[in-house]
C-alpha atoms as a PDB file:
ATOM      1  CA  MET A   1      -0.904  12.763   9.319  1.00  0.00           C
ATOM      2  CA  ILE A   2      -0.431   9.477   7.449  1.00  0.00           C
ATOM      3  CA  GLY A   3      -3.431   7.413   6.427  1.00  0.00           C
ATOM      4  CA  ILE A   4      -3.017   3.648   6.122  1.00  0.00           C
ATOM      5  CA  LEU A   5      -5.310   1.388   4.090  1.00  0.00           C
ATOM      6  CA  SER A   6      -5.216  -2.247   3.161  1.00  0.00           C
ATOM      7  CA  ASP A   7      -7.223  -5.047   1.473  1.00  0.00           C
ATOM      8  CA  ALA A   8      -9.482  -3.144  -0.930  1.00  0.00           C
ATOM      9  CA  HIS A   9      -9.896  -6.361  -3.120  1.00  0.00           C
ATOM     10  CA  GLY A  10     -11.404  -4.654  -6.104  1.00  0.00           C
ATOM     11  CA  ASN A  11     -13.946  -2.622  -4.141  1.00  0.00           C
ATOM     12  CA  ALA A  12     -12.838   0.798  -5.670  1.00  0.00           C
ATOM     13  CA  PRO A  13     -15.911   2.705  -4.620  1.00  0.00           C
ATOM     14  CA  ALA A  14     -15.054   1.795  -0.923  1.00  0.00           C
ATOM     15  CA  PHE A  15     -11.408   2.594  -1.392  1.00  0.00           C
ATOM     16  CA  ASP A  16     -12.128   5.980  -2.942  1.00  0.00           C
ATOM     17  CA  GLN A  17     -14.484   6.662  -0.081  1.00  0.00           C
ATOM     18  CA  ALA A  18     -11.990   5.899   2.533  1.00  0.00           C
ATOM     19  CA  VAL A  19      -9.351   8.224   0.841  1.00  0.00           C
ATOM     20  CA  ARG A  20     -12.004  11.035   0.617  1.00  0.00           C
ATOM     21  CA  LEU A  21     -12.920  10.572   4.410  1.00  0.00           C
ATOM     22  CA  LEU A  22      -9.284  10.356   5.481  1.00  0.00           C
ATOM     23  CA  LYS A  23      -8.320  13.564   3.676  1.00  0.00           C
ATOM     24  CA  LYS A  24     -11.273  15.450   5.425  1.00  0.00           C
ATOM     25  CA  ILE A  25      -9.648  14.658   8.789  1.00  0.00           C
ATOM     26  CA  GLY A  26      -6.218  15.796   7.914  1.00  0.00           C
ATOM     27  CA  VAL A  27      -4.419  12.953   6.289  1.00  0.00           C
ATOM     28  CA  GLU A  28      -1.800  14.317   3.935  1.00  0.00           C
ATOM     29  CA  ARG A  29      -0.338  11.201   2.396  1.00  0.00           C
ATOM     30  CA  PHE A  30      -1.137   7.397   2.240  1.00  0.00           C
ATOM     31  CA  VAL A  31       0.404   4.004   2.680  1.00  0.00           C
ATOM     32  CA  PHE A  32      -1.487   1.047   1.079  1.00  0.00           C
ATOM     33  CA  LEU A  33      -0.603  -2.301   2.550  1.00  0.00           C
ATOM     34  CA  GLY A  34      -1.552  -4.541  -0.332  1.00  0.00           C
ATOM     35  CA  ASP A  35      -4.374  -6.712  -1.801  1.00  0.00           C
ATOM     36  CA  ALA A  36      -5.917  -4.240  -4.314  1.00  0.00           C
ATOM     37  CA  VAL A  37      -6.949  -7.130  -6.333  1.00  0.00           C
ATOM     38  CA  GLY A  38      -8.741 -10.499  -5.582  1.00  0.00           C
ATOM     39  CA  TYR A  39     -12.350 -11.522  -4.985  1.00  0.00           C
ATOM     40  CA  ILE A  40     -14.095  -8.662  -6.774  1.00  0.00           C
ATOM     41  CA  PRO A  41     -12.618  -9.048 -10.302  1.00  0.00           C
ATOM     42  CA  LEU A  42     -12.108  -5.335 -11.170  1.00  0.00           C
ATOM     43  CA  ARG A  43      -8.941  -3.456 -11.704  1.00  0.00           C
ATOM     44  CA  ASP A  44     -10.349  -0.156 -10.562  1.00  0.00           C
ATOM     45  CA  VAL A  45      -8.497   0.116  -7.352  1.00  0.00           C
ATOM     46  CA  ILE A  46      -5.257  -0.062  -9.146  1.00  0.00           C
ATOM     47  CA  LYS A  47      -6.364   2.938 -11.232  1.00  0.00           C
ATOM     48  CA  SER A  48      -7.195   4.813  -8.004  1.00  0.00           C
ATOM     49  CA  LEU A  49      -3.822   4.034  -6.568  1.00  0.00           C
ATOM     50  CA  GLN A  50      -2.089   5.352  -9.687  1.00  0.00           C
ATOM     51  CA  LYS A  51      -4.009   8.574  -9.443  1.00  0.00           C
ATOM     52  CA  LEU A  52      -2.590   9.215  -5.949  1.00  0.00           C
ATOM     53  CA  ASP A  53       0.968   9.044  -7.426  1.00  0.00           C
ATOM     54  CA  LEU A  54       3.589  10.534  -5.143  1.00  0.00           C
ATOM     55  CA  LYS A  55       1.083  10.850  -2.255  1.00  0.00           C
ATOM     56  CA  ILE A  56       1.084   6.994  -1.548  1.00  0.00           C
ATOM     57  CA  GLN A  57       3.534   4.256  -0.864  1.00  0.00           C
ATOM     58  CA  CYS A  58       2.362   0.661  -1.661  1.00  0.00           C
ATOM     59  CA  VAL A  59       3.594  -2.629  -0.550  1.00  0.00           C
ATOM     60  CA  ARG A  60       2.765  -6.002  -2.029  1.00  0.00           C
ATOM     61  CA  GLY A  61       0.018  -8.258  -0.616  1.00  0.00           C
ATOM     62  CA  ASN A  62      -0.551 -12.016  -1.119  1.00  0.00           C
ATOM     63  CA  HIS A  63      -2.986 -11.351  -3.868  1.00  0.00           C
ATOM     64  CA  GLU A  64      -0.660  -9.227  -5.965  1.00  0.00           C
ATOM     65  CA  ASN A  65       1.894 -11.820  -5.424  1.00  0.00           C
ATOM     66  CA  MET A  66      -0.160 -14.612  -6.690  1.00  0.00           C
ATOM     67  CA  LEU A  67      -1.404 -12.576  -9.610  1.00  0.00           C
ATOM     68  CA  LEU A  68       2.084 -11.625 -10.665  1.00  0.00           C
ATOM     69  CA  GLN A  69       3.516 -15.094 -10.214  1.00  0.00           C
ATOM     70  CA  GLY A  70       0.444 -16.986 -11.552  1.00  0.00           C
ATOM     71  CA  ILE A  71       0.394 -19.419  -8.589  1.00  0.00           C
ATOM     72  CA  CYS A  72      -3.238 -19.452  -7.813  1.00  0.00           C
ATOM     73  CA  ASP A  73      -4.818 -22.925  -8.196  1.00  0.00           C
ATOM     74  CA  ALA A  74      -8.050 -23.636  -9.983  1.00  0.00           C
ATOM     75  CA  GLU A  75     -10.165 -24.153  -6.960  1.00  0.00           C
ATOM     76  CA  ARG A  76      -9.061 -20.874  -5.311  1.00  0.00           C
ATOM     77  CA  GLU A  77      -9.367 -19.161  -8.607  1.00  0.00           C
ATOM     78  CA  ASP A  78     -13.047 -19.624  -8.636  1.00  0.00           C
ATOM     79  CA  VAL A  79     -13.116 -17.463  -5.584  1.00  0.00           C
ATOM     80  CA  TYR A  80     -10.023 -15.149  -6.089  1.00  0.00           C
ATOM     81  CA  LYS A  81     -10.727 -14.389  -9.702  1.00  0.00           C
ATOM     82  CA  LEU A  82      -7.081 -13.286 -10.256  1.00  0.00           C
ATOM     83  CA  SER A  83      -6.692 -14.605 -13.711  1.00  0.00           C
ATOM     84  CA  VAL A  84      -9.638 -12.667 -14.593  1.00  0.00           C
ATOM     85  CA  VAL A  85      -8.268  -9.532 -13.351  1.00  0.00           C
ATOM     86  CA  ARG A  86      -4.809 -10.098 -14.950  1.00  0.00           C
ATOM     87  CA  SER A  87      -6.431 -10.597 -18.319  1.00  0.00           C
ATOM     88  CA  THR A  88      -7.758  -7.025 -18.054  1.00  0.00           C
ATOM     89  CA  LEU A  89      -4.556  -5.271 -16.967  1.00  0.00           C
ATOM     90  CA  GLU A  90      -2.677  -3.049 -19.203  1.00  0.00           C
ATOM     91  CA  ARG A  91       1.221  -3.343 -19.238  1.00  0.00           C
ATOM     92  CA  GLU A  92       1.485  -0.056 -17.328  1.00  0.00           C
ATOM     93  CA  GLU A  93      -0.695  -1.415 -14.587  1.00  0.00           C
ATOM     94  CA  LEU A  94       1.255  -4.613 -14.301  1.00  0.00           C
ATOM     95  CA  ASP A  95       4.578  -2.717 -14.199  1.00  0.00           C
ATOM     96  CA  PHE A  96       3.050  -0.630 -11.427  1.00  0.00           C
ATOM     97  CA  LEU A  97       2.284  -3.761  -9.301  1.00  0.00           C
ATOM     98  CA  GLN A  98       5.694  -5.198 -10.034  1.00  0.00           C
ATOM     99  CA  LYS A  99       7.342  -2.189  -8.406  1.00  0.00           C
ATOM    100  CA  TRP A 100       5.644  -2.720  -5.020  1.00  0.00           C
ATOM    101  CA  PRO A 101       8.121  -3.800  -2.301  1.00  0.00           C
ATOM    102  CA  THR A 102       7.394  -6.643   0.144  1.00  0.00           C
ATOM    103  CA  HIS A 103       7.732  -3.948   2.919  1.00  0.00           C
ATOM    104  CA  HIS A 104       8.422  -0.424   3.706  1.00  0.00           C
ATOM    105  CA  VAL A 105      10.485   1.133   6.509  1.00  0.00           C
ATOM    106  CA  GLU A 106      10.796   4.895   7.270  1.00  0.00           C
ATOM    107  CA  THR A 107      11.905   6.921  10.228  1.00  0.00           C
ATOM    108  CA  VAL A 108       9.666   9.881  11.178  1.00  0.00           C
ATOM    109  CA  VAL A 109      10.300  12.134  14.119  1.00  0.00           C
ATOM    110  CA  GLY A 110      12.673   9.580  15.409  1.00  0.00           C
ATOM    111  CA  LYS A 111      10.179   6.749  15.202  1.00  0.00           C
ATOM    112  CA  ARG A 112      10.967   3.666  13.154  1.00  0.00           C
ATOM    113  CA  LEU A 113       7.806   2.622  11.178  1.00  0.00           C
ATOM    114  CA  LEU A 114       7.466  -0.802   9.454  1.00  0.00           C
ATOM    115  CA  PHE A 115       4.675  -1.264   6.985  1.00  0.00           C
ATOM    116  CA  VAL A 116       3.830  -4.889   5.688  1.00  0.00           C
ATOM    117  CA  HIS A 117       0.787  -6.798   4.422  1.00  0.00           C
ATOM    118  CA  GLY A 118       1.293  -9.920   6.596  1.00  0.00           C
ATOM    119  CA  SER A 119       3.575  -9.734   9.632  1.00  0.00           C
ATOM    120  CA  PRO A 120       7.111  -8.795  10.623  1.00  0.00           C
ATOM    121  CA  SER A 121       8.328 -12.413  10.171  1.00  0.00           C
ATOM    122  CA  ASP A 122       6.454 -13.105   6.974  1.00  0.00           C
ATOM    123  CA  TYR A 123       5.871  -9.878   5.038  1.00  0.00           C
ATOM    124  CA  ILE A 124       3.421 -11.138   2.430  1.00  0.00           C
ATOM    125  CA  ASN A 125       1.597 -14.402   4.017  1.00  0.00           C
ATOM    126  CA  GLY A 126       1.891 -13.951   7.706  1.00  0.00           C
ATOM    127  CA  TYR A 127      -1.389 -13.398   9.857  1.00  0.00           C
ATOM    128  CA  MET A 128      -1.854 -11.323  12.913  1.00  0.00           C
ATOM    129  CA  TYR A 129      -4.902 -11.223  15.089  1.00  0.00           C
ATOM    130  CA  ILE A 130      -6.071  -9.724  18.296  1.00  0.00           C
ATOM    131  CA  ASP A 131      -4.757 -12.811  20.148  1.00  0.00           C
ATOM    132  CA  THR A 132      -1.546 -13.423  18.177  1.00  0.00           C
ATOM    133  CA  ASP A 133       1.480 -14.030  20.448  1.00  0.00           C
ATOM    134  CA  LEU A 134       3.519 -10.872  19.886  1.00  0.00           C
ATOM    135  CA  SER A 135       6.513 -12.067  21.833  1.00  0.00           C
ATOM    136  CA  MET A 136       7.627 -13.920  18.623  1.00  0.00           C
ATOM    137  CA  PHE A 137       8.511 -10.723  16.885  1.00  0.00           C
ATOM    138  CA  ASP A 138      11.552  -8.646  17.146  1.00  0.00           C
ATOM    139  CA  GLU A 139      11.268  -5.086  18.621  1.00  0.00           C
ATOM    140  CA  SER A 140      13.332  -3.057  16.201  1.00  0.00           C
ATOM    141  CA  SER A 141      10.499  -0.892  15.057  1.00  0.00           C
ATOM    142  CA  ASP A 142       8.494   1.485  17.207  1.00  0.00           C
ATOM    143  CA  PHE A 143       5.192   1.005  15.095  1.00  0.00           C
ATOM    144  CA  VAL A 144       4.231  -1.957  12.930  1.00  0.00           C
ATOM    145  CA  PHE A 145       1.324  -1.445  10.567  1.00  0.00           C
ATOM    146  CA  ILE A 146      -0.192  -4.602   8.978  1.00  0.00           C
ATOM    147  CA  GLY A 147      -3.316  -5.838   7.035  1.00  0.00           C
ATOM    148  CA  HIS A 148      -4.172  -9.230   5.657  1.00  0.00           C
ATOM    149  CA  SER A 149      -6.573 -10.527   8.346  1.00  0.00           C
ATOM    150  CA  HIS A 150      -9.256  -7.957   7.652  1.00  0.00           C
ATOM    151  CA  HIS A 151      -9.673  -7.569  11.408  1.00  0.00           C
ATOM    152  CA  PRO A 152      -8.356  -4.303  12.890  1.00  0.00           C
ATOM    153  CA  PHE A 153      -6.778  -3.755  16.260  1.00  0.00           C
ATOM    154  CA  VAL A 154      -4.106  -1.703  18.105  1.00  0.00           C
ATOM    155  CA  ARG A 155      -1.851  -3.726  20.468  1.00  0.00           C
ATOM    156  CA  HIS A 156       1.389  -3.021  22.408  1.00  0.00           C
ATOM    157  CA  HIS A 157       4.195  -5.382  23.269  1.00  0.00           C
ATOM    158  CA  GLY A 158       7.348  -4.123  24.830  1.00  0.00           C
ATOM    159  CA  ARG A 159       8.237  -0.917  23.023  1.00  0.00           C
ATOM    160  CA  VAL A 160       6.278  -1.667  19.848  1.00  0.00           C
ATOM    161  CA  CYS A 161       2.797  -0.725  18.831  1.00  0.00           C
ATOM    162  CA  TYR A 162       1.148  -3.194  16.366  1.00  0.00           C
ATOM    163  CA  VAL A 163      -1.562  -1.784  14.241  1.00  0.00           C
ATOM    164  CA  ASN A 164      -3.743  -4.034  12.209  1.00  0.00           C
ATOM    165  CA  VAL A 165      -5.517  -1.480   9.924  1.00  0.00           C
ATOM    166  CA  GLY A 166      -8.331  -3.826   8.899  1.00  0.00           C
ATOM    167  CA  SER A 167      -9.753  -3.909   5.405  1.00  0.00           C
ATOM    168  CA  CYS A 168     -11.147  -0.704   3.586  1.00  0.00           C
ATOM    169  CA  GLY A 169     -12.981  -2.817   0.988  1.00  0.00           C
ATOM    170  CA  MET A 170     -13.945  -6.233   2.447  1.00  0.00           C
ATOM    171  CA  PRO A 171     -14.114  -6.131   6.289  1.00  0.00           C
ATOM    172  CA  ARG A 172     -14.451  -9.580   7.875  1.00  0.00           C
ATOM    173  CA  ASP A 173     -16.097  -8.579  11.143  1.00  0.00           C
ATOM    174  CA  ASP A 174     -19.075  -6.560  10.003  1.00  0.00           C
ATOM    175  CA  GLY A 175     -19.418  -6.442   6.229  1.00  0.00           C
ATOM    176  CA  ARG A 176     -20.955  -2.987   6.321  1.00  0.00           C
ATOM    177  CA  PHE A 177     -18.000  -1.057   7.832  1.00  0.00           C
ATOM    178  CA  GLY A 178     -14.758  -0.489   6.055  1.00  0.00           C
ATOM    179  CA  ALA A 179     -11.627   0.183   8.258  1.00  0.00           C
ATOM    180  CA  ALA A 180      -8.505   2.237   7.949  1.00  0.00           C
ATOM    181  CA  ALA A 181      -5.849   3.782  10.298  1.00  0.00           C
ATOM    182  CA  THR A 182      -4.401   7.175  10.914  1.00  0.00           C
ATOM    183  CA  PHE A 183      -1.068   7.881  12.425  1.00  0.00           C
ATOM    184  CA  ASP A 184       0.245  11.208  13.725  1.00  0.00           C
ATOM    185  CA  PRO A 185       4.012  10.984  13.823  1.00  0.00           C
ATOM    186  CA  GLU A 186       4.394  13.995  16.074  1.00  0.00           C
ATOM    187  CA  SER A 187       2.147  12.721  18.979  1.00  0.00           C
ATOM    188  CA  GLY A 188       2.468   8.941  18.067  1.00  0.00           C
ATOM    189  CA  LEU A 189      -1.347   8.699  18.180  1.00  0.00           C
ATOM    190  CA  VAL A 190      -2.866   5.892  16.254  1.00  0.00           C
ATOM    191  CA  ARG A 191      -6.603   5.748  15.369  1.00  0.00           C
ATOM    192  CA  ILE A 192      -8.640   2.936  13.735  1.00  0.00           C
ATOM    193  CA  VAL A 193     -11.457   4.511  11.797  1.00  0.00           C
ATOM    194  CA  ARG A 194     -14.612   2.907  10.511  1.00  0.00           C
ATOM    195  CA  PHE A 195     -17.194   4.086   7.786  1.00  0.00           C
ATOM    196  CA  ASP A 196     -20.254   2.596   6.145  1.00  0.00           C
ATOM    197  CA  ILE A 197     -19.386   1.090   2.774  1.00  0.00           C
ATOM    198  CA  THR A 198     -22.845  -0.485   2.084  1.00  0.00           C
ATOM    199  CA  GLU A 199     -23.535   1.771  -0.962  1.00  0.00           C
ATOM    200  CA  ALA A 200     -20.096   1.550  -2.224  1.00  0.00           C
ATOM    201  CA  THR A 201     -20.033  -2.224  -2.040  1.00  0.00           C
ATOM    202  CA  ARG A 202     -23.402  -2.344  -3.863  1.00  0.00           C
ATOM    203  CA  LYS A 203     -21.773  -0.321  -6.684  1.00  0.00           C
ATOM    204  CA  ALA A 204     -18.722  -2.610  -6.878  1.00  0.00           C
ATOM    205  CA  LEU A 205     -20.774  -5.800  -6.956  1.00  0.00           C
ATOM    206  CA  TRP A 206     -23.027  -4.360  -9.570  1.00  0.00           C
ATOM    207  CA  ASN A 207     -20.070  -3.447 -11.775  1.00  0.00           C
ATOM    208  CA  ALA A 208     -18.443  -6.992 -11.369  1.00  0.00           C
ATOM    209  CA  SER A 209     -19.560 -10.306 -12.740  1.00  0.00           C
ATOM    210  CA  GLY A 210     -18.911 -13.739 -11.416  1.00  0.00           C
ATOM    211  CA  VAL A 211     -18.305 -12.800  -7.774  1.00  0.00           C
ATOM    212  CA  HIS A 212     -18.383 -15.961  -5.826  1.00  0.00           C
ATOM    213  CA  ALA A 213     -21.331 -16.504  -3.272  1.00  0.00           C
ATOM    214  CA  SER A 214     -18.902 -16.908  -0.445  1.00  0.00           C
ATOM    215  CA  VAL A 215     -17.514 -13.420  -1.087  1.00  0.00           C
ATOM    216  CA  LYS A 216     -20.898 -11.849  -1.120  1.00  0.00           C
ATOM    217  CA  ALA A 217     -21.600 -13.596   2.142  1.00  0.00           C
ATOM    218  CA  ILE A 218     -18.682 -11.705   3.751  1.00  0.00           C
ATOM    219  CA  PHE A 219     -20.479  -8.511   3.166  1.00  0.00           C
ATOM    220  CA  ALA A 220     -23.637  -9.878   4.787  1.00  0.00           C
ATOM    221  CA  ARG A 221     -21.859 -10.603   8.127  1.00  0.00           C
ATOM    222  CA  ARG A 222     -23.213  -8.522  11.120  1.00  0.00           C
ATOM    223  CA  LYS A 223     -21.766  -7.758  14.673  1.00  0.00           C
ATOM    224  CA  THR A 224     -23.258  -5.833  17.514  1.00  0.00           C
ATOM    225  CA  SER A 225     -20.118  -3.855  17.802  1.00  0.00           C
ATOM    226  CA  VAL A 226     -16.915  -3.334  15.845  1.00  0.00           C
ATOM    227  CA  TYR A 227     -13.444  -2.149  16.597  1.00  0.00           C
ATOM    228  CA  GLY A 228     -12.592   1.478  15.866  1.00  0.00           C
ATOM    229  CA  ASP A 229     -14.141   5.038  15.775  1.00  0.00           C
ATOM    230  CA  PHE A 230     -16.879   5.780  13.304  1.00  0.00           C
ATOM    231  CA  LEU A 231     -16.419   8.800  10.876  1.00  0.00           C
END
Protein backbone atom coordinates (compact mmCIF):
# COMPACT_ATOMS: atom_id res chain seq x y z
CA MET A 1 0.00 0.00 0.00
CA ILE A 2 1.19 3.52 -0.86
CA GLY A 3 0.83 6.48 1.49
CA ILE A 4 0.57 9.92 -0.11
CA LEU A 5 1.29 13.08 1.89
CA SER A 6 1.48 16.75 1.00
CA ASP A 7 1.85 20.27 2.35
CA ALA A 8 3.64 19.71 5.65
CA HIS A 9 4.85 23.35 5.68
CA GLY A 10 7.46 22.99 8.38
CA ASN A 11 5.19 21.08 10.74
CA ALA A 12 7.56 18.13 11.25
CA PRO A 13 5.80 16.72 14.33
CA ALA A 14 2.59 16.40 12.29
CA PHE A 15 4.44 14.91 9.30
CA ASP A 16 6.21 12.36 11.50
CA GLN A 17 2.91 11.52 13.18
CA ALA A 18 1.31 10.91 9.79
CA VAL A 19 4.12 8.59 8.72
CA ARG A 20 3.84 6.55 11.92
CA LEU A 21 0.06 6.22 11.59
CA LEU A 22 0.23 5.23 7.93
CA LYS A 23 2.84 2.57 8.65
CA LYS A 24 0.55 1.12 11.33
CA ILE A 25 -2.24 0.61 8.79
CA GLY A 26 0.01 -1.13 6.27
CA VAL A 27 1.69 1.56 4.18
CA GLU A 28 5.00 0.28 2.83
CA ARG A 29 6.21 3.26 0.82
CA PHE A 30 5.39 6.94 0.47
CA VAL A 31 4.96 9.73 -2.04
CA PHE A 32 5.27 13.34 -0.90
CA LEU A 33 3.57 15.94 -3.11
CA GLY A 34 5.61 18.97 -2.10
CA ASP A 35 5.59 21.98 0.20
CA ALA A 36 7.81 20.67 2.95
CA VAL A 37 8.66 24.31 3.68
CA GLY A 38 6.85 27.62 4.04
CA TYR A 39 4.81 29.33 6.78
CA ILE A 40 6.45 27.58 9.76
CA PRO A 41 10.13 28.51 9.28
CA LEU A 42 11.72 25.18 10.17
CA ARG A 43 13.69 22.75 8.01
CA ASP A 44 12.79 19.67 10.07
CA VAL A 45 10.37 18.18 7.51
CA ILE A 46 13.24 18.03 5.01
CA LYS A 47 15.26 16.06 7.54
CA SER A 48 12.36 13.65 8.05
CA LEU A 49 12.02 13.16 4.29
CA GLN A 50 15.73 12.44 3.98
CA LYS A 51 15.49 9.78 6.68
CA LEU A 52 12.83 7.93 4.67
CA ASP A 53 15.41 7.65 1.87
CA LEU A 54 14.43 5.03 -0.74
CA LYS A 55 10.99 4.51 0.77
CA ILE A 56 9.72 7.86 -0.52
CA GLN A 57 9.32 9.68 -3.84
CA CYS A 58 9.05 13.48 -3.63
CA VAL A 59 7.75 15.99 -6.16
CA ARG A 60 8.30 19.72 -6.02
CA GLY A 61 5.70 22.09 -4.59
CA ASN A 62 5.32 25.80 -5.22
CA HIS A 63 7.08 26.64 -1.96
CA GLU A 64 10.15 24.57 -2.86
CA ASN A 65 10.09 26.24 -6.26
CA MET A 66 9.98 29.73 -4.73
CA LEU A 67 12.69 28.90 -2.21
CA LEU A 68 15.05 27.47 -4.83
CA GLN A 69 14.44 30.26 -7.35
CA GLY A 70 14.32 33.10 -4.84
CA ILE A 71 11.14 34.55 -6.35
CA CYS A 72 9.16 35.32 -3.20
CA ASP A 73 8.32 39.02 -2.85
CA ALA A 74 8.76 40.93 0.41
CA GLU A 75 5.05 41.06 1.26
CA ARG A 76 4.61 37.30 0.92
CA GLU A 77 7.91 36.61 2.64
CA ASP A 78 6.46 38.02 5.85
CA VAL A 79 4.03 35.10 5.76
CA TYR A 80 5.96 32.43 3.84
CA LYS A 81 9.32 32.82 5.67
CA LEU A 82 11.14 31.09 2.80
CA SER A 83 14.30 33.17 2.98
CA VAL A 84 14.48 32.38 6.69
CA VAL A 85 14.34 28.65 5.96
CA ARG A 86 16.82 28.88 3.09
CA SER A 87 19.34 30.63 5.33
CA THR A 88 19.30 27.58 7.64
CA LEU A 89 19.61 24.89 4.97
CA GLU A 90 22.82 22.95 4.49
CA ARG A 91 24.16 22.30 0.97
CA GLU A 92 23.05 18.67 1.15
CA GLU A 93 19.49 19.73 1.95
CA LEU A 94 19.38 22.21 -0.93
CA ASP A 95 20.71 19.56 -3.29
CA PHE A 96 18.01 17.19 -2.02
CA LEU A 97 15.27 19.71 -2.88
CA GLN A 98 16.80 20.48 -6.28
CA LYS A 99 16.43 16.85 -7.29
CA TRP A 100 12.67 16.80 -6.79
CA PRO A 101 10.88 16.56 -10.17
CA THR A 102 7.79 18.57 -11.06
CA HIS A 103 5.77 15.36 -11.34
CA HIS A 104 6.08 11.61 -11.01
CA VAL A 105 4.44 8.93 -13.16
CA GLU A 106 4.45 5.21 -12.55
CA THR A 107 2.45 2.19 -13.64
CA VAL A 108 1.43 -0.29 -10.95
CA VAL A 109 -0.67 -3.40 -11.66
CA GLY A 110 -1.59 -1.93 -15.04
CA LYS A 111 -2.74 1.38 -13.56
CA ARG A 112 -1.09 4.65 -14.58
CA LEU A 113 -0.55 6.93 -11.58
CA LEU A 114 0.27 10.64 -11.83
CA PHE A 115 1.57 12.46 -8.75
CA VAL A 116 1.77 16.28 -8.81
CA HIS A 117 1.57 19.15 -6.35
CA GLY A 118 -0.88 21.31 -8.28
CA SER A 119 -2.89 19.91 -11.19
CA PRO A 120 -2.42 17.82 -14.35
CA SER A 121 -2.20 21.01 -16.44
CA ASP A 122 -0.02 23.04 -14.06
CA TYR A 123 2.10 20.68 -11.99
CA ILE A 124 3.39 23.21 -9.47
CA ASN A 125 0.90 26.07 -9.21
CA GLY A 126 -2.47 24.69 -10.35
CA TYR A 127 -5.33 24.39 -7.85
CA MET A 128 -8.00 21.70 -7.70
CA TYR A 129 -10.98 21.83 -5.38
CA ILE A 130 -14.12 19.79 -4.81
CA ASP A 131 -15.95 21.95 -7.39
CA THR A 132 -13.16 22.21 -10.02
CA ASP A 133 -14.30 21.39 -13.57
CA LEU A 134 -12.52 18.10 -14.26
CA SER A 135 -13.44 18.04 -17.94
CA MET A 136 -10.52 20.40 -18.66
CA PHE A 137 -7.96 17.68 -17.94
CA ASP A 138 -6.88 14.83 -20.21
CA GLU A 139 -7.66 11.25 -19.24
CA SER A 140 -4.30 9.58 -19.83
CA SER A 141 -3.95 8.49 -16.20
CA ASP A 142 -6.09 6.17 -14.13
CA PHE A 143 -5.34 7.96 -10.87
CA VAL A 144 -4.17 11.54 -10.30
CA PHE A 145 -2.88 12.46 -6.83
CA ILE A 146 -2.60 16.15 -5.96
CA GLY A 147 -2.15 18.52 -3.01
CA HIS A 148 -1.70 22.31 -2.86
CA SER A 149 -5.24 23.38 -1.89
CA HIS A 150 -5.08 21.77 1.60
CA HIS A 151 -8.66 20.52 1.03
CA PRO A 152 -8.95 16.74 0.52
CA PHE A 153 -11.40 15.00 -1.80
CA VAL A 154 -11.83 11.95 -4.02
CA ARG A 155 -13.64 12.56 -7.31
CA HIS A 156 -14.15 10.66 -10.56
CA HIS A 157 -14.45 11.94 -14.11
CA GLY A 158 -14.57 9.53 -17.00
CA ARG A 159 -11.99 6.84 -16.34
CA VAL A 160 -9.89 8.96 -13.99
CA CYS A 161 -9.94 9.09 -10.20
CA TYR A 162 -8.71 12.44 -8.85
CA VAL A 163 -7.44 12.44 -5.28
CA ASN A 164 -6.57 15.59 -3.38
CA VAL A 165 -4.70 14.23 -0.36
CA GLY A 166 -5.10 17.41 1.67
CA SER A 167 -2.44 18.68 4.06
CA CYS A 168 -0.70 16.65 6.73
CA GLY A 169 0.70 19.75 8.43
CA MET A 170 -1.63 22.70 7.80
CA PRO A 171 -5.22 21.66 7.05
CA ARG A 172 -7.39 24.50 5.81
CA ASP A 173 -10.79 23.02 6.64
CA ASP A 174 -10.39 22.25 10.34
CA GLY A 175 -6.96 23.16 11.70
CA ARG A 176 -6.96 20.31 14.19
CA PHE A 177 -7.01 17.45 11.71
CA GLY A 178 -4.21 16.61 9.30
CA ALA A 179 -4.96 14.62 6.15
CA ALA A 180 -3.25 12.05 3.97
CA ALA A 181 -4.25 9.35 1.48
CA THR A 182 -3.64 5.64 1.08
CA PHE A 183 -3.79 3.74 -2.19
CA ASP A 184 -3.94 -0.02 -2.67
CA PRO A 185 -2.81 -0.76 -6.25
CA GLU A 186 -4.27 -4.27 -6.22
CA SER A 187 -7.82 -3.22 -5.39
CA GLY A 188 -7.65 0.37 -6.63
CA LEU A 189 -9.03 1.48 -3.25
CA VAL A 190 -8.30 5.08 -2.23
CA ARG A 191 -8.86 6.32 1.30
CA ILE A 192 -8.51 9.79 2.80
CA VAL A 193 -7.43 9.52 6.43
CA ARG A 194 -7.57 12.20 9.14
CA PHE A 195 -5.72 12.49 12.44
CA ASP A 196 -5.54 14.98 15.28
CA ILE A 197 -2.39 17.12 14.97
CA THR A 198 -3.22 19.56 17.78
CA GLU A 199 -0.32 18.53 20.00
CA ALA A 200 2.06 18.16 17.05
CA THR A 201 1.23 21.67 15.86
CA ARG A 202 1.72 23.07 19.34
CA LYS A 203 5.24 21.61 19.35
CA ALA A 204 6.04 22.97 15.91
CA LEU A 205 4.85 26.48 16.76
CA TRP A 206 6.76 26.38 20.04
CA ASN A 207 9.98 25.53 18.18
CA ALA A 208 9.50 28.21 15.52
CA SER A 209 9.78 31.95 15.80
CA GLY A 210 8.12 34.67 13.77
CA VAL A 211 5.15 32.63 12.55
CA HIS A 212 2.67 35.10 11.08
CA ALA A 213 -0.66 35.63 12.88
CA SER A 214 -2.57 34.65 9.73
CA VAL A 215 -0.84 31.28 9.75
CA LYS A 216 -1.69 30.64 13.39
CA ALA A 217 -5.29 31.53 12.56
CA ILE A 218 -5.45 28.65 10.05
CA PHE A 219 -4.90 26.19 12.87
CA ALA A 220 -7.74 27.81 14.82
CA ARG A 221 -10.32 27.07 12.11
CA ARG A 222 -13.13 24.70 13.07
CA LYS A 223 -15.78 22.74 11.12
CA THR A 224 -18.60 20.52 12.29
CA SER A 225 -17.44 17.77 9.90
CA VAL A 226 -14.38 17.07 7.78
CA TYR A 227 -13.73 14.92 4.72
CA GLY A 228 -12.08 11.55 5.38
CA ASP A 229 -11.88 8.71 7.87
CA PHE A 230 -10.36 9.25 11.30
CA LEU A 231 -7.51 7.02 12.41
